[in-house]
Amino acid sequence: MATAPKLAAVQPTGSRLFERHFSPAELAELWSLSEDTIRRMFENEPDVMIFENAERSSSRRRRTLRIPESVAERVYRRLSARPLDKRMPRGV
């Protein structure tokens, strides 16, 4: 395919445009969490794509999230980078 090298050449450094985007269901399976937990973790996170139809007549809000891989990595590091002394009980 001739367009793939062109797209790779156009991609600016640090752009999230062409990186993998996860659905909440995909991350929930990878991290062994519920889809609702993943949605709560990422709905206010910067750079997460949220698609929502504000003109729906039903009362149920439908939102589609797409989470860039770099954002998932950032949240994972933030949640797992706790100092050892805070995880261990005192006197151990």
N, C-alpha and C. Protein backbone atom coordinates (compact mmCIF):
# COMPACT_ATOMS: atom_id res chain seq x y z
N MET A 1 0.85 -1.17 0.00
CA MET A 1 0.00 0.00 0.00
C MET A 1 0.89 1.24 0.00
N ALA A 2 0.70 2.13 -0.92
CA ALA A 2 1.57 3.28 -1.11
C ALA A 2 1.32 4.38 -0.09
N THR A 3 0.15 4.43 0.51
CA THR A 3 -0.15 5.53 1.43
C THR A 3 0.45 5.34 2.82
N ALA A 4 0.70 4.13 3.25
CA ALA A 4 1.22 3.90 4.60
C ALA A 4 2.55 4.61 4.85
N PRO A 5 3.55 4.51 3.96
CA PRO A 5 4.79 5.24 4.20
C PRO A 5 4.59 6.75 4.21
N LYS A 6 3.67 7.24 3.37
CA LYS A 6 3.41 8.67 3.33
C LYS A 6 2.81 9.14 4.65
N LEU A 7 1.86 8.38 5.19
CA LEU A 7 1.25 8.76 6.45
C LEU A 7 2.26 8.74 7.59
N ALA A 8 3.12 7.75 7.59
CA ALA A 8 4.15 7.68 8.63
C ALA A 8 5.11 8.85 8.53
N ALA A 9 5.40 9.29 7.33
CA ALA A 9 6.32 10.41 7.14
C ALA A 9 5.68 11.73 7.57
N VAL A 10 4.36 11.84 7.46
CA VAL A 10 3.66 13.07 7.81
C VAL A 10 3.43 13.20 9.30
N GLN A 11 3.40 12.09 10.01
CA GLN A 11 3.08 12.09 11.44
C GLN A 11 4.09 12.90 12.23
N PRO A 12 3.64 13.97 12.90
CA PRO A 12 4.55 14.75 13.73
C PRO A 12 4.93 13.96 14.98
N THR A 13 6.09 14.27 15.52
CA THR A 13 6.56 13.60 16.72
C THR A 13 5.61 13.90 17.87
N GLY A 14 5.21 12.87 18.60
CA GLY A 14 4.32 13.04 19.74
C GLY A 14 2.85 13.13 19.38
N SER A 15 2.50 12.99 18.11
CA SER A 15 1.11 13.06 17.71
C SER A 15 0.37 11.80 18.11
N ARG A 16 -0.86 11.96 18.58
CA ARG A 16 -1.69 10.82 18.96
C ARG A 16 -2.60 10.39 17.81
N LEU A 17 -2.49 11.07 16.68
CA LEU A 17 -3.38 10.81 15.56
C LEU A 17 -3.30 9.37 15.05
N PHE A 18 -2.11 8.83 14.91
CA PHE A 18 -1.93 7.52 14.31
C PHE A 18 -1.60 6.41 15.31
N GLU A 19 -1.57 6.74 16.59
CA GLU A 19 -1.29 5.69 17.55
C GLU A 19 -2.56 4.88 17.83
N ARG A 20 -2.39 3.73 18.41
CA ARG A 20 -3.52 2.87 18.71
C ARG A 20 -4.43 3.52 19.75
N HIS A 21 -5.73 3.40 19.52
CA HIS A 21 -6.73 3.90 20.45
C HIS A 21 -7.53 2.71 20.97
N PHE A 22 -7.67 2.62 22.29
CA PHE A 22 -8.39 1.52 22.92
C PHE A 22 -9.83 1.92 23.24
N SER A 23 -10.72 0.97 23.17
CA SER A 23 -12.07 1.18 23.70
C SER A 23 -12.02 0.84 25.19
N PRO A 24 -12.98 1.31 25.97
CA PRO A 24 -13.01 0.93 27.38
C PRO A 24 -13.09 -0.59 27.57
N ALA A 25 -13.79 -1.29 26.70
CA ALA A 25 -13.89 -2.75 26.81
C ALA A 25 -12.53 -3.42 26.62
N GLU A 26 -11.73 -2.91 25.68
CA GLU A 26 -10.41 -3.49 25.44
C GLU A 26 -9.49 -3.30 26.65
N LEU A 27 -9.47 -2.08 27.20
CA LEU A 27 -8.63 -1.83 28.37
C LEU A 27 -9.14 -2.59 29.59
N ALA A 28 -10.45 -2.71 29.72
CA ALA A 28 -11.02 -3.46 30.84
C ALA A 28 -10.55 -4.90 30.82
N GLU A 29 -10.51 -5.49 29.64
CA GLU A 29 -10.04 -6.87 29.53
C GLU A 29 -8.54 -6.97 29.81
N LEU A 30 -7.76 -6.04 29.26
CA LEU A 30 -6.31 -6.07 29.47
C LEU A 30 -5.93 -5.88 30.94
N TRP A 31 -6.64 -5.00 31.63
CA TRP A 31 -6.30 -4.66 33.00
C TRP A 31 -7.13 -5.42 34.03
N SER A 32 -8.00 -6.31 33.60
CA SER A 32 -8.88 -7.10 34.49
C SER A 32 -9.71 -6.20 35.40
N LEU A 33 -10.33 -5.20 34.79
CA LEU A 33 -11.23 -4.30 35.51
C LEU A 33 -12.56 -4.27 34.76
N SER A 34 -13.57 -3.68 35.36
CA SER A 34 -14.85 -3.56 34.67
C SER A 34 -14.79 -2.40 33.68
N GLU A 35 -15.64 -2.47 32.67
CA GLU A 35 -15.71 -1.40 31.67
C GLU A 35 -16.13 -0.09 32.32
N ASP A 36 -17.03 -0.15 33.30
CA ASP A 36 -17.46 1.06 34.00
C ASP A 36 -16.31 1.72 34.75
N THR A 37 -15.45 0.91 35.35
CA THR A 37 -14.29 1.45 36.07
C THR A 37 -13.36 2.17 35.10
N ILE A 38 -13.12 1.56 33.94
CA ILE A 38 -12.26 2.19 32.93
C ILE A 38 -12.88 3.49 32.46
N ARG A 39 -14.18 3.50 32.23
CA ARG A 39 -14.85 4.75 31.80
C ARG A 39 -14.68 5.85 32.85
N ARG A 40 -14.86 5.51 34.12
CA ARG A 40 -14.70 6.51 35.18
C ARG A 40 -13.26 7.01 35.26
N MET A 41 -12.30 6.10 35.06
CA MET A 41 -10.89 6.48 35.15
C MET A 41 -10.48 7.45 34.04
N PHE A 42 -11.09 7.30 32.86
CA PHE A 42 -10.60 8.04 31.69
C PHE A 42 -11.53 9.15 31.18
N GLU A 43 -12.75 9.25 31.69
CA GLU A 43 -13.68 10.21 31.10
C GLU A 43 -13.24 11.68 31.28
N ASN A 44 -12.46 11.98 32.29
CA ASN A 44 -11.97 13.35 32.50
C ASN A 44 -10.48 13.50 32.22
N GLU A 45 -9.89 12.48 31.64
CA GLU A 45 -8.45 12.48 31.36
C GLU A 45 -8.19 13.29 30.07
N PRO A 46 -7.18 14.17 30.07
CA PRO A 46 -6.87 14.93 28.85
C PRO A 46 -6.49 13.99 27.70
N ASP A 47 -6.84 14.39 26.49
CA ASP A 47 -6.50 13.72 25.24
C ASP A 47 -7.33 12.47 24.95
N VAL A 48 -8.32 12.14 25.78
CA VAL A 48 -9.23 11.04 25.48
C VAL A 48 -10.32 11.57 24.56
N MET A 49 -10.59 10.81 23.51
CA MET A 49 -11.63 11.21 22.57
C MET A 49 -12.98 10.74 23.08
N ILE A 50 -13.96 11.66 23.13
CA ILE A 50 -15.31 11.33 23.58
C ILE A 50 -16.28 11.75 22.49
N PHE A 51 -17.04 10.77 22.02
CA PHE A 51 -18.07 11.02 21.01
C PHE A 51 -19.42 10.90 21.71
N GLU A 52 -20.24 11.94 21.57
CA GLU A 52 -21.52 11.95 22.26
C GLU A 52 -22.54 12.64 21.37
N ASN A 53 -23.73 12.07 21.31
CA ASN A 53 -24.81 12.69 20.56
C ASN A 53 -25.69 13.43 21.55
N ALA A 54 -25.55 14.74 21.57
CA ALA A 54 -26.28 15.56 22.54
C ALA A 54 -27.75 15.71 22.18
N GLU A 55 -28.14 15.37 20.96
CA GLU A 55 -29.52 15.57 20.53
C GLU A 55 -30.38 14.32 20.65
N ARG A 56 -29.93 13.34 21.40
CA ARG A 56 -30.73 12.11 21.58
C ARG A 56 -32.00 12.44 22.36
N SER A 57 -33.09 11.83 21.95
CA SER A 57 -34.35 12.07 22.64
C SER A 57 -34.53 11.16 23.86
N SER A 58 -33.76 10.08 23.93
CA SER A 58 -33.91 9.18 25.07
C SER A 58 -33.18 9.75 26.29
N SER A 59 -33.52 9.23 27.44
CA SER A 59 -32.91 9.74 28.67
C SER A 59 -31.53 9.14 28.91
N ARG A 60 -31.20 8.06 28.24
CA ARG A 60 -29.90 7.42 28.45
C ARG A 60 -28.82 8.11 27.62
N ARG A 61 -27.78 8.51 28.29
CA ARG A 61 -26.66 9.18 27.62
C ARG A 61 -25.76 8.13 26.98
N ARG A 62 -25.46 8.30 25.72
CA ARG A 62 -24.56 7.38 25.01
C ARG A 62 -23.27 8.11 24.71
N ARG A 63 -22.17 7.57 25.25
CA ARG A 63 -20.86 8.17 25.03
C ARG A 63 -19.91 7.08 24.57
N THR A 64 -19.13 7.39 23.56
CA THR A 64 -18.11 6.48 23.08
C THR A 64 -16.76 7.07 23.41
N LEU A 65 -15.93 6.32 24.12
CA LEU A 65 -14.59 6.78 24.46
C LEU A 65 -13.57 6.03 23.63
N ARG A 66 -12.54 6.73 23.21
CA ARG A 66 -11.38 6.12 22.58
C ARG A 66 -10.16 6.68 23.30
N ILE A 67 -9.37 5.76 23.84
CA ILE A 67 -8.26 6.12 24.71
C ILE A 67 -6.94 5.86 24.00
N PRO A 68 -6.17 6.92 23.69
CA PRO A 68 -4.88 6.72 23.04
C PRO A 68 -3.95 5.89 23.92
N GLU A 69 -3.11 5.11 23.28
CA GLU A 69 -2.18 4.25 24.00
C GLU A 69 -1.29 5.04 24.95
N SER A 70 -0.85 6.23 24.53
CA SER A 70 0.02 7.05 25.39
C SER A 70 -0.72 7.52 26.64
N VAL A 71 -2.01 7.78 26.52
CA VAL A 71 -2.81 8.19 27.68
C VAL A 71 -2.98 7.01 28.64
N ALA A 72 -3.24 5.82 28.09
CA ALA A 72 -3.36 4.62 28.92
C ALA A 72 -2.06 4.37 29.67
N GLU A 73 -0.93 4.54 28.99
CA GLU A 73 0.37 4.36 29.64
C GLU A 73 0.59 5.38 30.75
N ARG A 74 0.20 6.63 30.50
CA ARG A 74 0.36 7.69 31.49
C ARG A 74 -0.46 7.39 32.75
N VAL A 75 -1.71 6.97 32.57
CA VAL A 75 -2.56 6.66 33.71
C VAL A 75 -2.04 5.43 34.45
N TYR A 76 -1.59 4.44 33.71
CA TYR A 76 -1.04 3.23 34.34
C TYR A 76 0.17 3.57 35.19
N ARG A 77 1.09 4.40 34.65
CA ARG A 77 2.28 4.81 35.42
C ARG A 77 1.88 5.60 36.65
N ARG A 78 0.91 6.51 36.50
CA ARG A 78 0.48 7.33 37.63
C ARG A 78 -0.13 6.48 38.74
N LEU A 79 -0.90 5.48 38.38
CA LEU A 79 -1.56 4.64 39.38
C LEU A 79 -0.62 3.60 39.99
N SER A 80 0.40 3.20 39.24
CA SER A 80 1.29 2.16 39.76
C SER A 80 2.58 2.72 40.36
N ALA A 81 2.85 4.00 40.20
CA ALA A 81 4.09 4.60 40.70
C ALA A 81 3.89 5.18 42.09
N ARG A 82 3.62 4.31 43.03
CA ARG A 82 3.47 4.74 44.42
C ARG A 82 4.74 4.35 45.16
N PRO A 83 5.24 5.23 45.99
CA PRO A 83 6.45 4.88 46.75
C PRO A 83 6.25 3.62 47.57
N LEU A 84 7.27 2.82 47.65
CA LEU A 84 7.21 1.54 48.35
C LEU A 84 6.84 1.72 49.81
N ASP A 85 7.36 2.77 50.46
CA ASP A 85 7.09 2.96 51.88
C ASP A 85 5.61 3.24 52.15
N LYS A 86 4.86 3.75 51.20
CA LYS A 86 3.44 4.01 51.42
C LYS A 86 2.61 2.75 51.21
N ARG A 87 3.14 1.78 50.48
CA ARG A 87 2.42 0.52 50.26
C ARG A 87 2.66 -0.48 51.38
N MET A 88 3.79 -0.39 52.03
CA MET A 88 4.16 -1.36 53.07
C MET A 88 3.68 -0.85 54.42
N PRO A 89 3.11 -1.73 55.24
CA PRO A 89 2.72 -1.32 56.60
C PRO A 89 3.96 -1.01 57.43
N ARG A 90 3.83 -0.12 58.35
CA ARG A 90 4.96 0.27 59.20
C ARG A 90 5.40 -0.89 60.07
N GLY A 91 6.70 -0.97 60.31
CA GLY A 91 7.26 -1.99 61.16
C GLY A 91 7.55 -3.29 60.44
N VAL A 92 7.45 -3.28 59.13
CA VAL A 92 7.73 -4.52 58.38
C VAL A 92 9.12 -4.50 57.85
